[in-house]
Protein backbone atom coordinates (compact mmCIF):
# COMPACT_ATOMS: atom_id res chain seq x y z
CA PRO A 1 0.37 -25.49 6.68
CA ALA A 2 -0.53 -28.23 9.15
CA ASN A 3 1.01 -26.20 11.95
CA GLN A 4 -1.00 -23.14 10.87
CA ILE A 5 -4.20 -25.15 11.21
CA LEU A 6 -3.12 -26.63 14.54
CA ALA A 7 -2.23 -23.19 15.93
CA ALA A 8 -5.64 -21.89 14.89
CA GLU A 9 -7.40 -24.89 16.44
CA LYS A 10 -5.60 -24.22 19.72
CA GLY A 11 -6.92 -20.64 19.85
CA ALA A 12 -3.85 -18.74 18.64
CA ILE A 13 -5.78 -16.44 16.33
CA SER A 14 -7.93 -14.75 18.97
CA LEU A 15 -4.91 -14.36 21.24
CA LEU A 16 -2.82 -12.85 18.43
CA ILE A 17 -5.62 -10.42 17.59
CA THR A 18 -5.49 -9.25 21.19
CA LEU A 19 -1.70 -8.91 20.98
CA ILE A 20 -1.73 -6.81 17.80
CA GLN A 21 -3.52 -4.23 19.91
CA HIS A 22 -0.95 -4.41 22.74
CA GLN A 23 0.65 -1.30 24.15
CA LYS A 24 4.20 -2.46 23.29
CA ALA A 25 5.24 -2.02 19.66
CA ARG A 26 7.47 -5.10 19.60
CA ILE A 27 4.62 -7.33 20.73
CA ARG A 28 2.34 -5.82 18.06
CA GLU A 29 5.02 -6.45 15.44
CA ARG A 30 5.54 -10.11 16.34
CA ALA A 31 1.82 -10.79 16.64
CA ALA A 32 1.18 -9.19 13.25
CA ARG A 33 3.88 -11.36 11.70
CA ALA A 34 2.34 -14.49 13.21
CA LEU A 35 -1.14 -13.50 11.98
CA ALA A 36 0.28 -12.88 8.50
CA MET A 37 1.65 -16.41 8.45
CA LEU A 38 -1.63 -17.87 9.69
CA ALA A 39 -3.58 -15.82 7.13
CA GLU A 40 -1.98 -17.82 4.33
CA ASN A 41 -4.55 -20.54 5.09
CA ALA A 42 -8.05 -19.91 3.67
CA ASP A 43 -9.83 -21.31 6.75
CA ASN A 44 -7.69 -19.19 9.04
CA GLN A 45 -8.61 -16.13 6.98
CA LEU A 46 -12.25 -16.67 7.90
CA THR A 47 -11.35 -17.16 11.55
CA ILE A 48 -9.29 -13.95 11.61
CA ALA A 49 -12.24 -12.06 10.14
CA HIS A 50 -14.81 -13.64 12.47
CA GLU A 51 -12.62 -13.00 15.52
CA GLY A 52 -12.45 -9.28 14.70
CA GLY A 53 -8.92 -9.13 13.31
CA ILE A 54 -9.54 -7.00 10.23
CA LYS A 55 -9.91 -3.59 11.85
CA PRO A 56 -6.82 -3.84 14.09
CA LEU A 57 -4.74 -5.07 11.16
CA ILE A 58 -5.86 -2.06 9.12
CA VAL A 59 -4.85 0.20 12.03
CA LEU A 60 -1.40 -1.42 12.00
CA LEU A 61 -0.94 -0.49 8.33
CA SER A 62 -0.27 3.01 9.68
CA ALA A 63 2.12 1.90 12.43
CA GLU A 64 5.41 3.74 12.84
CA ASN A 65 7.37 0.48 12.81
CA ALA A 66 8.25 -0.63 9.26
CA ALA A 67 8.25 -4.34 10.16
CA THR A 68 4.76 -4.01 11.63
CA GLN A 69 3.56 -2.26 8.49
CA GLU A 70 4.99 -5.02 6.31
CA SER A 71 3.48 -7.82 8.41
CA SER A 72 0.07 -6.16 8.54
CA ALA A 73 0.18 -5.50 4.76
CA ARG A 74 1.03 -9.16 4.23
CA ALA A 75 -1.83 -10.26 6.49
CA VAL A 76 -4.30 -7.94 4.77
CA GLY A 77 -3.06 -9.14 1.37
CA CYS A 78 -3.65 -12.75 2.37
CA LEU A 79 -7.06 -11.92 3.83
CA ALA A 80 -8.08 -10.20 0.58
CA SER A 81 -7.07 -13.16 -1.56
CA GLU A 82 -9.85 -15.71 -1.10
CA HIS A 83 -13.19 -14.69 0.34
CA GLN A 84 -15.60 -12.05 -0.95
CA SER A 85 -17.03 -11.56 2.53
CA ILE A 86 -13.57 -10.54 3.75
CA GLN A 87 -12.98 -8.37 0.69
CA LEU A 88 -16.26 -6.61 1.47
CA GLU A 89 -15.21 -5.95 5.06
CA LEU A 90 -11.79 -4.68 3.96
CA TRP A 91 -13.51 -2.37 1.48
CA GLN A 92 -15.99 -1.14 4.11
CA GLN A 93 -13.09 -0.45 6.50
CA LYS A 94 -11.32 1.56 3.73
CA ALA A 95 -8.22 -0.66 3.77
CA ASP A 96 -7.41 0.54 0.25
CA ALA A 97 -6.55 4.02 1.57
CA SER A 98 -3.91 2.74 3.99
CA LEU A 99 -2.59 0.23 1.47
CA ALA A 100 -2.18 2.94 -1.18
CA GLU A 101 -0.13 4.97 1.31
CA LEU A 102 2.19 1.99 1.79
CA LEU A 103 3.07 1.94 -1.91
CA GLY A 104 5.46 4.76 -0.99
CA SER A 105 7.07 2.85 1.87
CA ASP A 106 10.84 2.60 2.15
CA SER A 107 10.44 -1.18 2.43
CA THR A 108 10.19 -3.07 -0.85
CA GLY A 109 8.42 -5.92 0.94
CA THR A 110 5.80 -3.56 2.33
CA GLN A 111 5.27 -2.04 -1.12
CA GLU A 112 4.82 -5.46 -2.69
CA TRP A 113 2.39 -6.73 -0.07
CA ALA A 114 0.37 -3.51 -0.25
CA GLN A 115 0.28 -3.76 -4.04
CA ALA A 116 -0.82 -7.41 -3.87
CA ALA A 117 -3.58 -6.55 -1.41
CA LEU A 118 -4.81 -3.72 -3.64
CA LEU A 119 -4.87 -6.04 -6.64
CA HIS A 120 -6.92 -8.57 -4.67
CA LEU A 121 -9.33 -5.84 -3.59
CA ALA A 122 -9.65 -4.66 -7.22
CA ILE A 123 -11.06 -8.07 -8.13
CA PHE A 124 -13.93 -7.44 -5.74
CA PRO A 125 -16.60 -5.58 -7.80
CA LEU A 126 -17.47 -3.00 -5.13
CA GLY A 127 -13.83 -2.25 -4.41
CA ARG A 128 -12.58 -1.99 -7.99
CA GLN A 129 -13.47 1.67 -8.53
CA ASP A 130 -12.01 2.79 -5.20
CA VAL A 131 -8.78 0.87 -5.77
CA VAL A 132 -8.33 2.25 -9.28
CA THR A 133 -9.01 5.77 -8.00
CA ARG A 134 -6.39 5.33 -5.25
CA LEU A 135 -3.83 3.94 -7.70
CA VAL A 136 -4.38 6.80 -10.14
CA SER A 137 -3.99 9.23 -7.26
CA CYS A 138 -0.64 7.60 -6.37
CA LEU A 139 0.62 8.46 -9.84
CA THR A 140 0.81 12.09 -8.70
CA SER A 141 2.56 11.25 -5.42
CA ARG A 142 5.88 12.81 -4.49
CA SER A 143 7.15 9.31 -3.84
CA THR A 144 8.74 7.74 -6.90
CA SER A 145 8.27 4.26 -5.45
CA ALA A 146 4.55 4.92 -4.95
CA GLN A 147 4.29 6.09 -8.56
CA LEU A 148 6.10 2.99 -9.83
CA LYS A 149 4.08 0.54 -7.74
CA ALA A 150 0.81 2.25 -8.68
CA ALA A 151 1.71 2.13 -12.38
CA GLU A 152 2.66 -1.56 -12.07
CA ALA A 153 -0.62 -2.32 -10.31
CA LEU A 154 -2.67 -0.47 -12.93
CA ALA A 155 -0.87 -2.42 -15.66
CA ARG A 156 -1.78 -5.71 -13.90
CA LEU A 157 -5.48 -4.96 -13.50
């Protein structure tokens, strides 16, 4: 945790936000993983949001690379965990739609981070209805894993 704070103080967050938008997929993947780690800290969550990191992280939820999807789902899950202002922005950016899609991912880690993020967004009053609607919709998915993760999430609400 101390290193997360130090990295943020040295300007890593704004640089990583730039890198998650890089042309090269491997750079995006590594930057997303680093942002996910930094997003575990509540103060860093605010910095990521203020530096404009939410929208590019949501874009990465739809990346072709499974590791990038997992890291961005983890980052979004962490961002959704603490601050209502960030939950509002995630809701306004329709993060729940991309997260619901990831419930059907081949990666168990991606599924779990997407589910956690959706559960955090469901706590937010404005997002609750949209998240529940998305989860119910996943129950009719062709993906068995999406159905299972959606059912688990609905049971936890």
